[in-house]
Full PDB file with SEQRES, HELIX, SHEET, SSBOND, CRYST1, ORIGX, SCALE, CONECT and MASTER records, all heavy atoms in Angstrom:
SEQRES   1 A   32  THR LEU SER VAL PRO SER LEU TYR ARG LEU LEU TYR LYS          
SEQRES   2 A   32  SER TYR ARG LEU ALA ARG LYS ASN LYS ARG ASN THR ARG          
SEQRES   3 A   32  SER GLN LEU LYS PHE GLU                                      
HELIX    1 AA1 VAL A    4  ALA A   18  1                                  15    
HELIX    2 AA2 ARG A   26  PHE A   31  1                                   6    
CRYST1    1.000    1.000    1.000  90.00  90.00  90.00 P 1           1          
ORIGX1      1.000000  0.000000  0.000000        0.00000                         
ORIGX2      0.000000  1.000000  0.000000        0.00000                         
ORIGX3      0.000000  0.000000  1.000000        0.00000                         
SCALE1      1.000000  0.000000  0.000000        0.00000                         
SCALE2      0.000000  1.000000  0.000000        0.00000                         
SCALE3      0.000000  0.000000  1.000000        0.00000                         
ATOM      1  N   THR A   1     -30.304 -64.517  38.287  1.00  0.00           N  
ATOM      2  CA  THR A   1     -31.399 -63.557  38.187  1.00  0.00           C  
ATOM      3  C   THR A   1     -31.334 -62.805  36.868  1.00  0.00           C  
ATOM      4  O   THR A   1     -30.305 -62.243  36.516  1.00  0.00           O  
ATOM      5  CB  THR A   1     -31.362 -62.561  39.355  1.00  0.00           C  
ATOM      6  OG1 THR A   1     -31.498 -63.263  40.571  1.00  0.00           O  
ATOM      7  CG2 THR A   1     -32.493 -61.542  39.217  1.00  0.00           C  
ATOM      8  N   LEU A   2     -32.479 -62.778  36.160  1.00  0.00           N  
ATOM      9  CA  LEU A   2     -32.573 -62.012  34.933  1.00  0.00           C  
ATOM     10  C   LEU A   2     -32.745 -60.536  35.261  1.00  0.00           C  
ATOM     11  O   LEU A   2     -33.447 -60.182  36.210  1.00  0.00           O  
ATOM     12  CB  LEU A   2     -33.761 -62.490  34.109  1.00  0.00           C  
ATOM     13  CG  LEU A   2     -33.651 -63.883  33.474  1.00  0.00           C  
ATOM     14  CD1 LEU A   2     -35.010 -64.316  32.926  1.00  0.00           C  
ATOM     15  CD2 LEU A   2     -32.626 -63.889  32.355  1.00  0.00           C  
ATOM     16  N   SER A   3     -32.131 -59.677  34.480  1.00  0.00           N  
ATOM     17  CA  SER A   3     -32.292 -58.243  34.667  1.00  0.00           C  
ATOM     18  C   SER A   3     -33.644 -57.796  34.125  1.00  0.00           C  
ATOM     19  O   SER A   3     -34.321 -58.524  33.397  1.00  0.00           O  
ATOM     20  CB  SER A   3     -31.175 -57.487  33.953  1.00  0.00           C  
ATOM     21  OG  SER A   3     -31.298 -57.660  32.543  1.00  0.00           O  
ATOM     22  N   VAL A   4     -34.030 -56.575  34.465  1.00  0.00           N  
ATOM     23  CA  VAL A   4     -35.288 -56.022  33.967  1.00  0.00           C  
ATOM     24  C   VAL A   4     -35.304 -55.952  32.443  1.00  0.00           C  
ATOM     25  O   VAL A   4     -36.296 -56.348  31.809  1.00  0.00           O  
ATOM     26  CB  VAL A   4     -35.561 -54.638  34.594  1.00  0.00           C  
ATOM     27  CG1 VAL A   4     -36.761 -53.965  33.923  1.00  0.00           C  
ATOM     28  CG2 VAL A   4     -35.809 -54.775  36.085  1.00  0.00           C  
ATOM     29  N   PRO A   5     -34.233 -55.464  31.786  1.00  0.00           N  
ATOM     30  CA  PRO A   5     -34.246 -55.463  30.313  1.00  0.00           C  
ATOM     31  C   PRO A   5     -34.367 -56.857  29.709  1.00  0.00           C  
ATOM     32  O   PRO A   5     -35.062 -57.044  28.698  1.00  0.00           O  
ATOM     33  CB  PRO A   5     -32.905 -54.808  29.944  1.00  0.00           C  
ATOM     34  CG  PRO A   5     -32.553 -53.976  31.130  1.00  0.00           C  
ATOM     35  CD  PRO A   5     -33.044 -54.750  32.311  1.00  0.00           C  
ATOM     36  N   SER A   6     -33.703 -57.849  30.317  1.00  0.00           N  
ATOM     37  CA  SER A   6     -33.807 -59.220  29.813  1.00  0.00           C  
ATOM     38  C   SER A   6     -35.226 -59.748  29.965  1.00  0.00           C  
ATOM     39  O   SER A   6     -35.764 -60.402  29.066  1.00  0.00           O  
ATOM     40  CB  SER A   6     -32.830 -60.134  30.556  1.00  0.00           C  
ATOM     41  OG  SER A   6     -31.496 -59.757  30.323  1.00  0.00           O  
ATOM     42  N   LEU A   7     -35.839 -59.478  31.106  1.00  0.00           N  
ATOM     43  CA  LEU A   7     -37.218 -59.895  31.324  1.00  0.00           C  
ATOM     44  C   LEU A   7     -38.162 -59.202  30.350  1.00  0.00           C  
ATOM     45  O   LEU A   7     -39.117 -59.814  29.851  1.00  0.00           O  
ATOM     46  CB  LEU A   7     -37.642 -59.591  32.765  1.00  0.00           C  
ATOM     47  CG  LEU A   7     -37.166 -60.575  33.832  1.00  0.00           C  
ATOM     48  CD1 LEU A   7     -37.394 -60.008  35.229  1.00  0.00           C  
ATOM     49  CD2 LEU A   7     -37.884 -61.912  33.689  1.00  0.00           C  
ATOM     50  N   TYR A   8     -37.899 -57.935  30.084  1.00  0.00           N  
ATOM     51  CA  TYR A   8     -38.727 -57.191  29.129  1.00  0.00           C  
ATOM     52  C   TYR A   8     -38.714 -57.868  27.764  1.00  0.00           C  
ATOM     53  O   TYR A   8     -39.763 -58.042  27.132  1.00  0.00           O  
ATOM     54  CB  TYR A   8     -38.229 -55.752  29.019  1.00  0.00           C  
ATOM     55  CG  TYR A   8     -39.057 -54.886  28.078  1.00  0.00           C  
ATOM     56  CD1 TYR A   8     -40.098 -54.105  28.560  1.00  0.00           C  
ATOM     57  CD2 TYR A   8     -38.796 -54.869  26.709  1.00  0.00           C  
ATOM     58  CE1 TYR A   8     -40.860 -53.313  27.705  1.00  0.00           C  
ATOM     59  CE2 TYR A   8     -39.552 -54.083  25.850  1.00  0.00           C  
ATOM     60  CZ  TYR A   8     -40.579 -53.309  26.355  1.00  0.00           C  
ATOM     61  OH  TYR A   8     -41.338 -52.539  25.503  1.00  0.00           O  
ATOM     62  N   ARG A   9     -37.514 -58.244  27.289  1.00  0.00           N  
ATOM     63  CA  ARG A   9     -37.402 -58.887  25.977  1.00  0.00           C  
ATOM     64  C   ARG A   9     -38.130 -60.239  25.957  1.00  0.00           C  
ATOM     65  O   ARG A   9     -38.820 -60.569  24.991  1.00  0.00           O  
ATOM     66  CB  ARG A   9     -35.934 -59.063  25.606  1.00  0.00           C  
ATOM     67  CG  ARG A   9     -35.223 -57.768  25.240  1.00  0.00           C  
ATOM     68  CD  ARG A   9     -33.863 -58.029  24.637  1.00  0.00           C  
ATOM     69  NE  ARG A   9     -32.916 -58.514  25.625  1.00  0.00           N  
ATOM     70  CZ  ARG A   9     -32.134 -57.735  26.370  1.00  0.00           C  
ATOM     71  NH1 ARG A   9     -32.185 -56.416  26.243  1.00  0.00           N  
ATOM     72  NH2 ARG A   9     -31.284 -58.266  27.233  1.00  0.00           N  
ATOM     73  N   LEU A  10     -38.006 -61.011  27.031  1.00  0.00           N  
ATOM     74  CA  LEU A  10     -38.679 -62.305  27.107  1.00  0.00           C  
ATOM     75  C   LEU A  10     -40.192 -62.134  27.188  1.00  0.00           C  
ATOM     76  O   LEU A  10     -40.944 -62.900  26.584  1.00  0.00           O  
ATOM     77  CB  LEU A  10     -38.177 -63.091  28.323  1.00  0.00           C  
ATOM     78  CG  LEU A  10     -36.729 -63.587  28.259  1.00  0.00           C  
ATOM     79  CD1 LEU A  10     -36.322 -64.204  29.595  1.00  0.00           C  
ATOM     80  CD2 LEU A  10     -36.545 -64.610  27.139  1.00  0.00           C  
ATOM     81  N   LEU A  11     -40.638 -61.134  27.931  1.00  0.00           N  
ATOM     82  CA  LEU A  11     -42.067 -60.875  28.050  1.00  0.00           C  
ATOM     83  C   LEU A  11     -42.670 -60.411  26.731  1.00  0.00           C  
ATOM     84  O   LEU A  11     -43.826 -60.719  26.435  1.00  0.00           O  
ATOM     85  CB  LEU A  11     -42.326 -59.834  29.139  1.00  0.00           C  
ATOM     86  CG  LEU A  11     -42.176 -60.330  30.578  1.00  0.00           C  
ATOM     87  CD1 LEU A  11     -42.188 -59.160  31.553  1.00  0.00           C  
ATOM     88  CD2 LEU A  11     -43.271 -61.330  30.939  1.00  0.00           C  
ATOM     89  N   TYR A  12     -41.910 -59.666  25.940  1.00  0.00           N  
ATOM     90  CA  TYR A  12     -42.420 -59.254  24.636  1.00  0.00           C  
ATOM     91  C   TYR A  12     -42.660 -60.476  23.742  1.00  0.00           C  
ATOM     92  O   TYR A  12     -43.672 -60.557  23.050  1.00  0.00           O  
ATOM     93  CB  TYR A  12     -41.458 -58.283  23.955  1.00  0.00           C  
ATOM     94  CG  TYR A  12     -41.971 -57.819  22.595  1.00  0.00           C  
ATOM     95  CD1 TYR A  12     -42.995 -56.886  22.502  1.00  0.00           C  
ATOM     96  CD2 TYR A  12     -41.464 -58.356  21.415  1.00  0.00           C  
ATOM     97  CE1 TYR A  12     -43.494 -56.483  21.271  1.00  0.00           C  
ATOM     98  CE2 TYR A  12     -41.946 -57.952  20.182  1.00  0.00           C  
ATOM     99  CZ  TYR A  12     -42.963 -57.016  20.114  1.00  0.00           C  
ATOM    100  OH  TYR A  12     -43.462 -56.628  18.888  1.00  0.00           O  
ATOM    101  N   LYS A  13     -41.735 -61.422  23.749  1.00  0.00           N  
ATOM    102  CA  LYS A  13     -41.938 -62.660  22.988  1.00  0.00           C  
ATOM    103  C   LYS A  13     -43.168 -63.410  23.498  1.00  0.00           C  
ATOM    104  O   LYS A  13     -43.952 -63.940  22.704  1.00  0.00           O  
ATOM    105  CB  LYS A  13     -40.700 -63.543  23.101  1.00  0.00           C  
ATOM    106  CG  LYS A  13     -39.458 -62.989  22.422  1.00  0.00           C  
ATOM    107  CD  LYS A  13     -38.272 -63.924  22.602  1.00  0.00           C  
ATOM    108  CE  LYS A  13     -37.011 -63.365  21.938  1.00  0.00           C  
ATOM    109  NZ  LYS A  13     -35.836 -64.262  22.155  1.00  0.00           N  
ATOM    110  N   SER A  14     -43.335 -63.451  24.809  1.00  0.00           N  
ATOM    111  CA  SER A  14     -44.489 -64.133  25.404  1.00  0.00           C  
ATOM    112  C   SER A  14     -45.789 -63.422  25.044  1.00  0.00           C  
ATOM    113  O   SER A  14     -46.817 -64.058  24.816  1.00  0.00           O  
ATOM    114  CB  SER A  14     -44.332 -64.205  26.924  1.00  0.00           C  
ATOM    115  OG  SER A  14     -43.176 -64.928  27.281  1.00  0.00           O  
ATOM    116  N   TYR A  15     -45.745 -62.094  25.009  1.00  0.00           N  
ATOM    117  CA  TYR A  15     -46.916 -61.313  24.608  1.00  0.00           C  
ATOM    118  C   TYR A  15     -47.333 -61.662  23.186  1.00  0.00           C  
ATOM    119  O   TYR A  15     -48.531 -61.811  22.898  1.00  0.00           O  
ATOM    120  CB  TYR A  15     -46.600 -59.818  24.734  1.00  0.00           C  
ATOM    121  CG  TYR A  15     -47.340 -58.948  23.740  1.00  0.00           C  
ATOM    122  CD1 TYR A  15     -48.690 -58.680  23.888  1.00  0.00           C  
ATOM    123  CD2 TYR A  15     -46.665 -58.419  22.641  1.00  0.00           C  
ATOM    124  CE1 TYR A  15     -49.361 -57.895  22.957  1.00  0.00           C  
ATOM    125  CE2 TYR A  15     -47.325 -57.638  21.707  1.00  0.00           C  
ATOM    126  CZ  TYR A  15     -48.675 -57.378  21.873  1.00  0.00           C  
ATOM    127  OH  TYR A  15     -49.339 -56.619  20.939  1.00  0.00           O  
ATOM    128  N   ARG A  16     -46.382 -61.803  22.277  1.00  0.00           N  
ATOM    129  CA  ARG A  16     -46.695 -62.148  20.890  1.00  0.00           C  
ATOM    130  C   ARG A  16     -47.391 -63.508  20.806  1.00  0.00           C  
ATOM    131  O   ARG A  16     -48.285 -63.714  19.996  1.00  0.00           O  
ATOM    132  CB  ARG A  16     -45.410 -62.170  20.064  1.00  0.00           C  
ATOM    133  CG  ARG A  16     -44.670 -60.843  19.982  1.00  0.00           C  
ATOM    134  CD  ARG A  16     -45.196 -59.928  18.942  1.00  0.00           C  
ATOM    135  NE  ARG A  16     -45.041 -60.469  17.597  1.00  0.00           N  
ATOM    136  CZ  ARG A  16     -45.366 -59.814  16.503  1.00  0.00           C  
ATOM    137  NH1 ARG A  16     -45.836 -58.587  16.590  1.00  0.00           N  
ATOM    138  NH2 ARG A  16     -45.215 -60.359  15.316  1.00  0.00           N  
ATOM    139  N   LEU A  17     -46.982 -64.434  21.647  1.00  0.00           N  
ATOM    140  CA  LEU A  17     -47.618 -65.752  21.665  1.00  0.00           C  
ATOM    141  C   LEU A  17     -48.998 -65.690  22.316  1.00  0.00           C  
ATOM    142  O   LEU A  17     -49.942 -66.329  21.855  1.00  0.00           O  
ATOM    143  CB  LEU A  17     -46.731 -66.746  22.429  1.00  0.00           C  
ATOM    144  CG  LEU A  17     -45.396 -67.110  21.785  1.00  0.00           C  
ATOM    145  CD1 LEU A  17     -44.535 -67.904  22.763  1.00  0.00           C  
ATOM    146  CD2 LEU A  17     -45.604 -67.913  20.500  1.00  0.00           C  
ATOM    147  N   ALA A  18     -49.107 -64.905  23.375  1.00  0.00           N  
ATOM    148  CA  ALA A  18     -50.362 -64.831  24.124  1.00  0.00           C  
ATOM    149  C   ALA A  18     -51.491 -64.214  23.306  1.00  0.00           C  
ATOM    150  O   ALA A  18     -52.658 -64.554  23.494  1.00  0.00           O  
ATOM    151  CB  ALA A  18     -50.153 -64.042  25.413  1.00  0.00           C  
ATOM    152  N   ARG A  19     -51.156 -63.300  22.405  1.00  0.00           N  
ATOM    153  CA  ARG A  19     -52.206 -62.609  21.660  1.00  0.00           C  
ATOM    154  C   ARG A  19     -52.736 -63.419  20.485  1.00  0.00           C  
ATOM    155  O   ARG A  19     -53.741 -63.045  19.884  1.00  0.00           O  
ATOM    156  CB  ARG A  19     -51.715 -61.258  21.187  1.00  0.00           C  
ATOM    157  CG  ARG A  19     -50.727 -61.298  20.023  1.00  0.00           C  
ATOM    158  CD  ARG A  19     -50.395 -59.897  19.544  1.00  0.00           C  
ATOM    159  NE  ARG A  19     -49.592 -59.901  18.332  1.00  0.00           N  
ATOM    160  CZ  ARG A  19     -49.272 -58.823  17.641  1.00  0.00           C  
ATOM    161  NH1 ARG A  19     -49.696 -57.637  18.046  1.00  0.00           N  
ATOM    162  NH2 ARG A  19     -48.539 -58.906  16.543  1.00  0.00           N  
ATOM    163  N   LYS A  20     -52.070 -64.526  20.112  1.00  0.00           N  
ATOM    164  CA  LYS A  20     -52.572 -65.384  19.042  1.00  0.00           C  
ATOM    165  C   LYS A  20     -53.939 -65.940  19.435  1.00  0.00           C  
ATOM    166  O   LYS A  20     -54.107 -66.514  20.520  1.00  0.00           O  
ATOM    167  CB  LYS A  20     -51.602 -66.538  18.760  1.00  0.00           C  
ATOM    168  CG  LYS A  20     -50.326 -66.119  18.056  1.00  0.00           C  
ATOM    169  CD  LYS A  20     -49.461 -67.332  17.730  1.00  0.00           C  
ATOM    170  CE  LYS A  20     -48.197 -66.921  16.968  1.00  0.00           C  
ATOM    171  NZ  LYS A  20     -47.340 -68.109  16.664  1.00  0.00           N  
ATOM    172  N   ASN A  21     -54.896 -65.785  18.558  1.00  0.00           N  
ATOM    173  CA  ASN A  21     -56.264 -66.259  18.768  1.00  0.00           C  
ATOM    174  C   ASN A  21     -56.944 -65.575  19.956  1.00  0.00           C  
ATOM    175  O   ASN A  21     -57.989 -66.024  20.420  1.00  0.00           O  
ATOM    176  CB  ASN A  21     -56.307 -67.777  18.962  1.00  0.00           C  
ATOM    177  CG  ASN A  21     -55.734 -68.535  17.785  1.00  0.00           C  
ATOM    178  OD1 ASN A  21     -55.952 -68.167  16.630  1.00  0.00           O  
ATOM    179  ND2 ASN A  21     -54.974 -69.587  18.073  1.00  0.00           N  
ATOM    180  N   LYS A  22     -56.352 -64.501  20.452  1.00  0.00           N  
ATOM    181  CA  LYS A  22     -56.950 -63.746  21.556  1.00  0.00           C  
ATOM    182  C   LYS A  22     -57.074 -62.265  21.208  1.00  0.00           C  
ATOM    183  O   LYS A  22     -57.149 -61.427  22.102  1.00  0.00           O  
ATOM    184  CB  LYS A  22     -56.106 -63.911  22.830  1.00  0.00           C  
ATOM    185  CG  LYS A  22     -56.032 -65.335  23.353  1.00  0.00           C  
ATOM    186  CD  LYS A  22     -57.380 -65.831  23.841  1.00  0.00           C  
ATOM    187  CE  LYS A  22     -57.265 -67.278  24.347  1.00  0.00           C  
ATOM    188  NZ  LYS A  22     -58.603 -67.805  24.743  1.00  0.00           N  
ATOM    189  N   ARG A  23     -57.049 -61.965  19.908  1.00  0.00           N  
ATOM    190  CA  ARG A  23     -57.138 -60.572  19.495  1.00  0.00           C  
ATOM    191  C   ARG A  23     -58.518 -60.007  19.784  1.00  0.00           C  
ATOM    192  O   ARG A  23     -59.536 -60.703  19.728  1.00  0.00           O  
ATOM    193  CB  ARG A  23     -56.819 -60.436  18.003  1.00  0.00           C  
ATOM    194  CG  ARG A  23     -55.456 -60.998  17.566  1.00  0.00           C  
ATOM    195  CD  ARG A  23     -54.281 -60.423  18.373  1.00  0.00           C  
ATOM    196  NE  ARG A  23     -54.184 -58.989  18.344  1.00  0.00           N  
ATOM    197  CZ  ARG A  23     -53.464 -58.307  17.450  1.00  0.00           C  
ATOM    198  NH1 ARG A  23     -52.797 -58.963  16.508  1.00  0.00           N  
ATOM    199  NH2 ARG A  23     -53.383 -56.991  17.483  1.00  0.00           N  
ATOM    200  N   ASN A  24     -58.514 -58.742  20.126  1.00  0.00           N  
ATOM    201  CA  ASN A  24     -59.739 -57.969  20.333  1.00  0.00           C  
ATOM    202  C   ASN A  24     -60.530 -58.374  21.577  1.00  0.00           C  
ATOM    203  O   ASN A  24     -61.704 -58.021  21.705  1.00  0.00           O  
ATOM    204  CB  ASN A  24     -60.650 -58.044  19.103  1.00  0.00           C  
ATOM    205  CG  ASN A  24     -59.978 -57.516  17.850  1.00  0.00           C  
ATOM    206  OD1 ASN A  24     -59.209 -56.561  17.910  1.00  0.00           O  
ATOM    207  ND2 ASN A  24     -60.257 -58.137  16.715  1.00  0.00           N  
ATOM    208  N   THR A  25     -59.906 -59.126  22.490  1.00  0.00           N  
ATOM    209  CA  THR A  25     -60.551 -59.326  23.771  1.00  0.00           C  
ATOM    210  C   THR A  25     -60.349 -58.080  24.616  1.00  0.00           C  
ATOM    211  O   THR A  25     -59.423 -57.295  24.404  1.00  0.00           O  
ATOM    212  CB  THR A  25     -59.982 -60.548  24.510  1.00  0.00           C  
ATOM    213  OG1 THR A  25     -58.585 -60.341  24.767  1.00  0.00           O  
ATOM    214  CG2 THR A  25     -60.162 -61.817  23.689  1.00  0.00           C  
ATOM    215  N   ARG A  26     -61.226 -57.883  25.591  1.00  0.00           N  
ATOM    216  CA  ARG A  26     -61.198 -56.657  26.382  1.00  0.00           C  
ATOM    217  C   ARG A  26     -59.860 -56.465  27.100  1.00  0.00           C  
ATOM    218  O   ARG A  26     -59.247 -55.398  27.037  1.00  0.00           O  
ATOM    219  CB  ARG A  26     -62.341 -56.679  27.400  1.00  0.00           C  
ATOM    220  CG  ARG A  26     -62.538 -55.378  28.152  1.00  0.00           C  
ATOM    221  CD  ARG A  26     -63.708 -55.489  29.120  1.00  0.00           C  
ATOM    222  NE  ARG A  26     -64.931 -55.866  28.430  1.00  0.00           N  
ATOM    223  CZ  ARG A  26     -66.087 -56.112  29.040  1.00  0.00           C  
ATOM    224  NH1 ARG A  26     -66.164 -56.024  30.356  1.00  0.00           N  
ATOM    225  NH2 ARG A  26     -67.154 -56.469  28.332  1.00  0.00           N  
ATOM    226  N   SER A  27     -59.378 -57.499  27.780  1.00  0.00           N  
ATOM    227  CA  SER A  27     -58.133 -57.372  28.537  1.00  0.00           C  
ATOM    228  C   SER A  27     -56.923 -57.246  27.620  1.00  0.00           C  
ATOM    229  O   SER A  27     -55.949 -56.562  27.948  1.00  0.00           O  
ATOM    230  CB  SER A  27     -57.960 -58.560  29.487  1.00  0.00           C  
ATOM    231  OG  SER A  27     -57.852 -59.788  28.795  1.00  0.00           O  
ATOM    232  N   GLN A  28     -56.983 -57.899  26.444  1.00  0.00           N  
ATOM    233  CA  GLN A  28     -55.869 -57.800  25.499  1.00  0.00           C  
ATOM    234  C   GLN A  28     -55.752 -56.391  24.929  1.00  0.00           C  
ATOM    235  O   GLN A  28     -54.653 -55.830  24.832  1.00  0.00           O  
ATOM    236  CB  GLN A  28     -56.057 -58.833  24.381  1.00  0.00           C  
ATOM    237  CG  GLN A  28     -54.958 -58.824  23.323  1.00  0.00           C  
ATOM    238  CD  GLN A  28     -55.369 -58.128  22.052  1.00  0.00           C  
ATOM    239  OE1 GLN A  28     -56.548 -58.153  21.669  1.00  0.00           O  
ATOM    240  NE2 GLN A  28     -54.442 -57.485  21.371  1.00  0.00           N  
ATOM    241  N   LEU A  29     -56.891 -55.794  24.553  1.00  0.00           N  
ATOM    242  CA  LEU A  29     -56.880 -54.432  24.014  1.00  0.00           C  
ATOM    243  C   LEU A  29     -56.422 -53.426  25.071  1.00  0.00           C  
ATOM    244  O   LEU A  29     -55.673 -52.490  24.768  1.00  0.00           O  
ATOM    245  CB  LEU A  29     -58.271 -54.070  23.502  1.00  0.00           C  
ATOM    246  CG  LEU A  29     -58.740 -54.805  22.239  1.00  0.00           C  
ATOM    247  CD1 LEU A  29     -60.196 -54.491  21.958  1.00  0.00           C  
ATOM    248  CD2 LEU A  29     -57.876 -54.445  21.036  1.00  0.00           C  
ATOM    249  N   LYS A  30     -56.871 -53.600  26.306  1.00  0.00           N  
ATOM    250  CA  LYS A  30     -56.456 -52.725  27.387  1.00  0.00           C  
ATOM    251  C   LYS A  30     -54.950 -52.793  27.609  1.00  0.00           C  
ATOM    252  O   LYS A  30     -54.290 -51.777  27.823  1.00  0.00           O  
ATOM    253  CB  LYS A  30     -57.197 -53.105  28.673  1.00  0.00           C  
ATOM    254  CG  LYS A  30     -56.880 -52.214  29.861  1.00  0.00           C  
ATOM    255  CD  LYS A  30     -57.648 -52.669  31.092  1.00  0.00           C  
ATOM    256  CE  LYS A  30     -57.283 -51.815  32.311  1.00  0.00           C  
ATOM    257  NZ  LYS A  30     -58.005 -52.273  33.532  1.00  0.00           N  
ATOM    258  N   PHE A  31     -54.403 -53.997  27.547  1.00  0.00           N  
ATOM    259  CA  PHE A  31     -52.969 -54.178  27.737  1.00  0.00           C  
ATOM    260  C   PHE A  31     -52.176 -53.522  26.603  1.00  0.00           C  
ATOM    261  O   PHE A  31     -51.127 -52.924  26.836  1.00  0.00           O  
ATOM    262  CB  PHE A  31     -52.648 -55.679  27.803  1.00  0.00           C  
ATOM    263  CG  PHE A  31     -51.251 -55.999  28.256  1.00  0.00           C  
ATOM    264  CD1 PHE A  31     -50.939 -56.075  29.602  1.00  0.00           C  
ATOM    265  CD2 PHE A  31     -50.240 -56.232  27.338  1.00  0.00           C  
ATOM    266  CE1 PHE A  31     -49.653 -56.377  30.029  1.00  0.00           C  
ATOM    267  CE2 PHE A  31     -48.954 -56.542  27.750  1.00  0.00           C  
ATOM    268  CZ  PHE A  31     -48.663 -56.612  29.097  1.00  0.00           C  
ATOM    269  N   GLU A  32     -52.686 -53.603  25.381  1.00  0.00           N  
ATOM    270  CA  GLU A  32     -51.973 -53.068  24.223  1.00  0.00           C  
ATOM    271  C   GLU A  32     -52.064 -51.556  24.087  1.00  0.00           C  
ATOM    272  O   GLU A  32     -51.290 -50.960  23.343  1.00  0.00           O  
ATOM    273  CB  GLU A  32     -52.483 -53.726  22.945  1.00  0.00           C  
ATOM    274  CG  GLU A  32     -52.002 -55.141  22.743  1.00  0.00           C  
ATOM    275  CD  GLU A  32     -52.304 -55.676  21.358  1.00  0.00           C  
ATOM    276  OE1 GLU A  32     -53.147 -55.073  20.675  1.00  0.00           O  
ATOM    277  OE2 GLU A  32     -51.711 -56.699  20.969  1.00  0.00           O  
TER     278      GLU A  32                                                      
MASTER        0    0    0    2    0    0    0    6  277    1    0    3          
END                                                                             
């Protein structure tokens, strides 16, 4: 089981990938 801090770090990397070519969408801006 990954800890919360470990998941946070992995999710941040995933967030950086998810926002590529998805900038300025409504849900992306709300999340940021």
